[in-house]
Protein backbone atom coordinates (compact mmCIF):
# COMPACT_ATOMS: atom_id res chain seq x y z
CA MET A 1 139.33 48.40 80.40
CA PRO A 2 136.83 50.94 82.45
CA GLU A 3 136.71 54.49 81.27
CA HIS A 4 137.04 57.68 83.19
CA ILE A 5 133.63 59.45 84.27
CA SER A 6 135.18 62.38 82.61
CA GLU A 7 134.75 61.18 79.49
CA SER A 8 131.43 61.35 79.08
CA LEU A 9 131.40 65.34 80.72
CA PRO A 10 130.50 66.60 77.32
CA PHE A 11 126.96 65.00 77.13
CA ARG A 12 126.31 66.41 80.82
CA GLU A 13 127.37 69.67 79.82
CA GLU A 14 125.23 69.71 76.43
CA TYR A 15 122.15 68.45 78.44
CA ASP A 16 122.71 71.32 81.35
CA HIS A 17 123.15 73.91 78.34
CA GLY A 18 119.92 72.60 76.60
CA LEU A 19 118.00 72.60 79.95
CA LYS A 20 118.94 76.41 80.29
CA ASN A 21 118.31 77.41 76.85
CA ILE A 22 114.72 75.57 76.70
CA ILE A 23 113.62 77.63 79.98
CA GLU A 24 114.81 81.00 78.28
CA HIS A 25 112.88 80.30 74.82
CA ARG A 26 109.92 78.83 77.25
CA ARG A 27 109.87 82.07 79.09
CA ALA A 28 110.01 84.32 76.19
CA GLU A 29 106.60 82.36 74.70
CA PHE A 30 105.16 82.96 78.07
CA ASP A 31 106.06 86.64 78.21
CA ARG A 32 104.58 87.02 74.90
CA ILE A 33 101.48 85.07 75.68
CA ARG A 34 101.01 87.12 79.02
CA ALA A 35 101.45 90.09 77.15
CA GLU A 36 98.69 89.55 74.79
CA ARG A 37 96.20 87.95 77.39
CA MET A 38 96.84 90.19 80.24
CA SER A 39 97.14 93.23 78.55
CA PRO A 40 96.08 96.78 80.36
CA ALA A 41 93.12 96.78 77.83
CA ASN A 42 92.06 93.18 78.25
CA ILE A 43 92.42 93.53 81.93
CA ALA A 44 90.46 96.89 82.44
CA ALA A 45 87.76 95.31 80.56
CA ASP A 46 87.16 92.43 82.69
CA ARG A 47 89.28 92.55 85.58
CA GLU A 48 87.07 90.31 87.88
CA LYS A 49 87.68 87.19 85.34
CA PHE A 50 91.65 87.55 85.60
CA ARG A 51 91.16 87.94 89.41
CA ARG A 52 89.32 84.42 89.43
CA GLU A 53 92.34 83.00 87.17
CA TYR A 54 95.11 84.39 89.66
CA ILE A 55 92.93 83.23 92.55
CA ASP A 56 92.88 79.72 90.91
CA LEU A 57 96.40 79.87 89.96
CA LEU A 58 97.33 79.90 94.10
CA GLY A 59 94.70 77.08 94.43
CA TRP A 60 92.95 75.66 97.32
CA PRO A 61 91.90 76.92 99.77
CA LEU A 62 91.70 80.61 98.25
CA ASN A 63 89.77 79.03 95.53
CA GLU A 64 87.37 77.89 97.66
CA TYR A 65 86.71 80.90 100.03
CA GLU A 66 83.36 82.09 98.74
CA GLU A 67 82.01 78.90 100.20
CA TYR A 68 83.95 79.17 103.27
CA ARG A 69 82.67 82.55 103.70
CA LYS A 70 78.97 81.33 104.68
CA THR A 71 80.41 79.08 107.12
CA PRO A 72 80.62 80.67 110.59
CA MET A 73 84.24 80.78 112.10
CA ASN A 74 85.09 80.40 115.90
CA VAL A 75 87.13 82.96 117.00
CA ARG A 76 88.88 83.02 120.46
CA VAL A 77 89.85 86.49 122.14
CA ILE A 78 92.19 86.59 124.77
CA PRO A 79 92.99 90.12 126.12
CA HIS A 80 96.90 90.93 126.28
CA GLY A 81 97.22 94.12 127.79
CA GLU A 82 97.37 97.82 126.42
CA ASN A 83 99.93 100.48 125.29
CA GLU A 84 99.84 104.13 124.93
CA PHE A 85 97.85 103.79 122.28
CA ALA A 86 95.92 100.82 122.24
CA VAL A 87 94.32 98.04 123.73
CA ILE A 88 95.71 94.88 122.63
CA ARG A 89 94.07 91.24 122.65
CA GLN A 90 95.51 88.00 120.85
CA MET A 91 93.38 86.54 118.61
CA GLN A 92 92.58 83.12 116.91
CA PHE A 93 90.56 82.07 114.06
CA GLU A 94 89.39 78.57 113.06
CA VAL A 95 89.93 79.56 109.39
CA LEU A 96 89.61 75.77 108.61
CA PRO A 97 88.37 72.97 110.58
CA GLY A 98 90.96 72.62 113.20
CA LEU A 99 93.35 75.14 111.95
CA TRP A 100 93.65 78.37 114.43
CA PHE A 101 95.33 81.23 112.73
CA TYR A 102 96.31 83.82 115.22
CA GLY A 103 97.40 87.07 115.30
CA LEU A 104 97.69 90.66 117.62
CA TYR A 105 94.65 93.04 117.40
CA PHE A 106 95.28 96.58 118.83
CA GLU A 107 91.95 98.49 119.27
CA HIS A 108 93.23 102.24 119.14
CA LYS A 109 92.11 104.22 122.34
CA ASN A 110 90.57 107.12 120.32
CA LYS A 111 86.80 105.79 120.26
CA ALA A 112 85.41 109.52 119.38
CA GLU A 113 86.66 109.09 115.56
CA ASP A 114 85.27 106.47 113.02
CA LEU A 115 88.92 104.99 112.12
CA PRO A 116 90.37 103.00 109.50
CA PHE A 117 91.65 99.35 109.77
CA VAL A 118 94.84 98.35 108.86
CA ILE A 119 96.90 94.67 108.64
CA CYS A 120 100.25 95.02 109.47
CA GLN A 121 102.21 92.33 107.94
CA HIS A 122 105.59 90.89 109.49
CA GLY A 123 108.32 88.67 106.58
CA GLY A 124 110.53 86.06 107.52
CA LEU A 125 111.63 85.22 111.04
CA GLY A 126 109.01 87.56 112.12
CA THR A 127 105.78 87.26 114.14
CA PRO A 128 103.28 89.82 115.04
CA GLU A 129 105.12 90.30 118.56
CA VAL A 130 108.01 91.53 116.38
CA VAL A 131 106.26 93.74 113.90
CA SER A 132 104.06 95.43 116.46
CA GLY A 133 107.21 96.18 119.21
CA VAL A 134 105.35 94.51 122.39
CA LEU A 135 108.57 92.96 122.42
CA GLY A 136 110.42 96.27 122.24
CA GLU A 137 112.66 96.39 119.19
CA THR A 138 111.19 96.05 115.89
CA TYR A 139 114.42 95.59 113.85
CA ASN A 140 113.92 96.49 110.20
CA TYR A 141 110.25 96.79 110.27
CA ASN A 142 111.25 100.57 111.74
CA ASP A 143 107.73 100.74 114.06
CA LEU A 144 105.69 99.56 111.05
CA LEU A 145 102.49 98.77 113.05
CA GLU A 146 102.72 101.82 115.91
CA ARG A 147 103.73 104.18 112.74
CA ALA A 148 100.05 102.79 111.23
CA ALA A 149 98.19 102.95 114.45
CA THR A 150 99.24 106.18 115.10
CA TYR A 151 99.08 108.03 111.91
CA GLY A 152 96.66 111.29 111.60
CA LYS A 153 93.82 110.60 114.53
CA GLY A 154 94.87 106.78 114.43
CA ALA A 155 93.87 103.27 113.06
CA ASN A 156 92.65 100.26 114.45
CA THR A 157 95.35 97.81 113.39
CA PHE A 158 95.77 93.96 113.41
CA ALA A 159 99.08 92.11 112.69
CA PRO A 160 98.42 88.21 111.55
CA GLY A 161 100.91 85.40 112.16
CA LEU A 162 102.29 83.41 109.25
CA TYR A 163 103.89 80.43 109.16
CA LEU A 164 107.47 82.35 108.79
CA TRP A 165 108.75 82.66 112.55
CA ASN A 166 112.19 82.19 113.58
CA ASP A 167 112.87 78.56 114.63
CA ASP A 168 113.63 80.14 118.36
CA TYR A 169 110.35 81.04 118.70
CA GLY A 170 109.48 77.41 118.04
CA PRO A 171 108.22 75.05 117.02
CA LYS A 172 110.32 73.94 114.32
CA LYS A 173 109.16 74.79 111.06
CA ASP A 174 109.62 73.09 107.43
CA ARG A 175 107.78 75.73 105.12
CA GLY A 176 109.18 74.34 101.95
CA SER A 177 107.57 70.85 103.08
CA ILE A 178 104.52 72.42 104.38
CA ASP A 179 104.36 74.22 101.07
CA ASN A 180 104.95 71.15 98.87
CA ASP A 181 102.24 68.89 100.61
CA LEU A 182 100.14 71.83 99.89
CA LYS A 183 100.81 71.78 96.34
CA GLN A 184 100.06 68.16 95.99
CA LEU A 185 96.70 68.92 97.49
CA GLY A 186 95.86 71.58 94.64
CA GLY A 187 97.34 74.31 96.82
CA SER A 188 99.94 76.31 98.25
CA ILE A 189 101.07 77.78 101.78
CA ALA A 190 100.70 81.49 99.94
CA ALA A 191 96.75 80.45 99.35
CA LEU A 192 96.17 79.14 102.47
CA GLU A 193 97.76 82.14 104.22
CA VAL A 194 96.17 84.46 101.70
CA PHE A 195 92.85 82.87 102.53
CA ALA A 196 93.50 83.13 106.32
CA ILE A 197 93.97 86.78 106.10
CA ARG A 198 90.55 86.85 104.29
CA ARG A 199 89.09 85.23 106.88
CA THR A 200 90.14 87.41 109.65
CA LEU A 201 89.06 90.43 107.72
CA ASP A 202 85.48 89.01 107.56
CA TYR A 203 85.69 88.82 111.40
CA PHE A 204 86.60 92.39 111.78
CA MET A 205 84.05 93.48 108.83
CA ASP A 206 81.31 91.49 110.64
CA GLU A 207 81.96 93.31 113.88
CA GLY A 208 81.96 96.80 112.25
CA ILE A 209 85.61 97.32 113.19
CA ALA A 210 87.04 97.53 109.32
CA LYS A 211 84.81 99.28 107.03
CA GLU A 212 84.49 99.17 103.27
CA GLY A 213 86.65 101.84 101.82
CA HIS A 214 88.79 102.43 104.81
CA ILE A 215 90.88 98.98 104.76
CA GLY A 216 94.78 99.06 104.21
CA MET A 217 97.74 96.67 104.19
CA ILE A 218 101.30 97.13 104.91
CA GLY A 219 104.02 94.61 104.90
CA LEU A 220 107.74 94.34 104.94
CA SER A 221 109.62 91.50 102.59
CA TYR A 222 107.42 88.26 102.70
CA GLY A 223 105.09 90.82 104.19
CA GLY A 224 105.26 92.77 101.45
CA SER A 225 104.74 89.86 99.14
CA TYR A 226 101.65 88.83 101.10
CA THR A 227 100.40 92.36 100.92
CA LEU A 228 100.42 92.38 97.31
CA LEU A 229 99.05 88.82 96.89
CA THR A 230 96.05 89.69 99.32
CA ALA A 231 95.28 93.20 97.87
CA ALA A 232 95.26 91.18 94.16
CA ALA A 233 92.48 88.45 95.76
CA ASP A 234 90.41 90.82 97.93
CA THR A 235 89.03 94.06 96.83
CA ARG A 236 87.91 94.96 100.29
CA ILE A 237 91.62 96.21 100.52
CA THR A 238 91.38 100.11 99.76
CA ALA A 239 94.97 100.75 99.82
CA ALA A 240 98.23 98.76 100.02
CA TYR A 241 101.76 99.45 100.92
CA SER A 242 104.42 96.53 99.76
CA SER A 243 108.05 97.36 100.78
CA CYS A 244 110.85 95.06 99.55
CA GLN A 245 109.62 92.34 97.82
CA TYR A 246 107.94 93.26 94.51
CA SER A 247 110.42 92.21 91.85
CA ASP A 248 111.04 90.32 88.79
CA ARG A 249 110.29 86.78 89.71
CA TYR A 250 112.19 85.52 86.79
CA LEU A 251 115.11 86.55 89.22
CA HIS A 252 113.58 85.74 92.44
CA ASN A 253 111.60 82.69 91.50
CA TRP A 254 111.38 81.48 95.25
CA PRO A 255 109.81 78.08 95.51
CA ASP A 256 107.25 79.23 97.75
CA TRP A 257 106.33 82.19 95.42
CA THR A 258 106.02 79.75 92.26
CA TRP A 259 103.13 77.79 90.81
CA LYS A 260 102.51 76.02 87.87
CA ASN A 261 102.18 78.20 85.18
CA SER A 262 102.98 81.38 87.45
CA ALA A 263 104.96 83.00 84.87
CA GLY A 264 101.34 83.78 83.36
CA CYS A 265 100.95 86.46 86.03
CA LEU A 266 104.05 88.04 87.44
CA ASP A 267 104.08 90.87 90.06
CA ALA A 268 103.44 93.58 87.89
CA GLU A 269 100.11 91.52 86.62
CA MET A 270 99.23 91.11 90.38
CA ALA A 271 99.53 94.80 90.58
CA ALA A 272 97.22 95.02 87.61
CA LEU A 273 94.47 93.35 89.77
CA VAL A 274 94.78 95.88 92.68
CA ALA A 275 94.31 98.72 90.37
CA PRO A 276 91.99 100.98 90.26
CA ARG A 277 92.78 100.87 94.24
CA ALA A 278 95.85 102.41 95.52
CA LEU A 279 99.10 100.71 95.81
CA TYR A 280 102.47 102.01 97.10
CA LEU A 281 105.80 100.19 96.11
CA GLU A 282 109.33 100.72 97.56
CA GLU A 283 112.77 99.14 97.66
CA GLY A 284 115.94 99.76 99.45
CA ASP A 285 118.51 101.13 97.07
CA ASN A 286 121.03 98.95 99.00
CA ASP A 287 119.14 95.92 99.84
CA PRO A 288 121.09 92.69 100.00
CA LEU A 289 118.03 90.64 98.77
CA PHE A 290 116.38 92.33 96.04
CA ASP A 291 118.42 94.77 93.51
CA ASP A 292 116.43 97.85 92.80
CA GLU A 293 116.98 97.97 89.09
CA PRO A 294 114.68 95.04 88.37
CA PHE A 295 112.10 96.53 91.11
CA LEU A 296 112.07 99.57 89.35
CA ARG A 297 111.60 97.77 85.77
CA GLU A 298 108.74 95.63 87.28
CA CYS A 299 107.24 98.93 88.79
CA GLU A 300 107.36 100.45 84.93
CA ARG A 301 105.46 97.34 83.72
CA ALA A 302 102.83 98.29 86.28
CA VAL A 303 102.19 101.83 84.77
CA PRO A 304 100.01 100.88 81.95
CA PHE A 305 97.80 98.62 83.76
CA PHE A 306 96.66 101.64 86.26
CA GLU A 307 96.32 103.98 83.37
CA ALA A 308 93.94 102.14 81.43
CA ALA A 309 91.97 101.78 84.63
CA GLY A 310 92.04 105.55 85.14
CA ALA A 311 94.14 105.33 87.84
CA LYS A 312 97.58 106.73 87.03
CA ASP A 313 97.82 108.63 90.46
CA LYS A 314 96.89 105.63 92.50
CA LEU A 315 100.27 103.63 91.80
CA LYS A 316 103.46 105.08 93.48
CA TYR A 317 106.64 103.61 93.27
CA CYS A 318 110.13 104.58 94.69
CA ALA A 319 114.08 103.40 95.53
CA PHE A 320 114.72 104.36 98.74
CA PRO A 321 118.21 105.23 100.42
CA GLY A 322 118.40 102.26 102.88
CA THR A 323 118.45 98.51 103.08
CA HIS A 324 115.99 95.68 103.32
CA GLU A 325 114.00 97.62 105.75
CA LEU A 326 110.41 99.60 105.74
CA SER A 327 111.66 103.19 104.80
CA LYS A 328 111.82 105.57 107.98
CA GLU A 329 110.38 108.42 105.61
CA ASP A 330 106.29 108.37 105.90
CA ASP A 331 105.62 108.73 102.42
CA GLY A 332 104.08 105.33 102.09
CA TYR A 333 101.85 106.23 104.83
CA ASP A 334 100.86 109.52 103.49
CA PHE A 335 99.72 107.63 100.20
CA VAL A 336 98.13 105.10 101.96
CA PHE A 337 96.09 107.01 104.21
CA ARG A 338 95.18 109.47 101.83
CA TYR A 339 92.81 106.76 100.77
CA LEU A 340 91.46 105.75 104.07
C-alpha cells in the first residue's frame, strides 16, 4: 500500500534544520577568521593588500581595471540644455568594447572658482534624470544632486546611470540574470558597475574637471551601496556619503551584493578600506527596508578601523528621523564638503 508523503516529513524537517545550523556555525567560523585576518592593525599595516583582495572578491572587470586604464576610451558628449546652476550634458563612455555606460554631467556655471567634483548616485528604480531633478520631482533623493551642486561655491556633478532603472523607463531588465551571467564569467554586476564608475572618473580627471583631493561621492539606497563599494576600491574619492544601505549583510544578503567568500569582507571591512579618507553613513530610523539597529551595530564595528588609521574624526554616522530617503538635513553635506 503506498505511504503518504507526510510520513517522510521528519527527514525533510531535520535536513532543513541542519542546513540552517551549519550556516550559523560556518558564519561564526568566518567571523572569527575575518576578525583575525582583517583586524584594524592588519589593515592599517597593509591597506593596499586588502584592497586588492577586496577587488578580486568582486571580480571581473574590476580586477583588470589597471590594464583598461591604459586603454583610450571613446566618449560621446551630447548637449542637454541647462538649469539655473549648471550646463547639462548627456555623456556616454565606452568602458568596455561595445559597452556604452551613460550619465548626466552638470558643469557648474561658477567659472571663477576651482570647484570640487561630486559623483551623485541614484538607487533602485532610479536614473540620472530622477536623482538630478531634470524630470522635476526627485522623490526620496530629496534633491541629492542639486544640493551637492549648489553647496558653498558650488560643485561640478556627475550622475552615472546604473542597471537599476524602473522597467517603465525601459528596456525591461533582469538584473539577477545579468549578475548570474557575470558571476559565471568570474565577475559580478557590482564589479562591472564599480569599474564603469571608475572609468568615468578617469575621463573627468584626465580632462582636469575632477582633481585629486577634491572628489566626493554621494548615494542613496543602492546608490549608497555603490558609494561604499566604489570608495573602498578607488582611493581618488576623498569623501563618501552613503545613505540607507550600509548594514549587516547576514540580514541583508541580497544576491547582487553576495559573492563567494563575501562573508570575509562585510560592510565594516569595506568601510575600513575607505579609511583614512572621510566616510559619512546614515540610516532613516523608520526605514522599512533597513533597521537602524543593525546599521548602528555595523557602524560601531567600523570605528576601530578608523582609529587604527589615525582618522577617528573622518568617520561619522547617524540614524536620522526619516524613512528610506536621503536626510533633508545638511549634516552629511557639511561633513563631505569639509574635506573637498
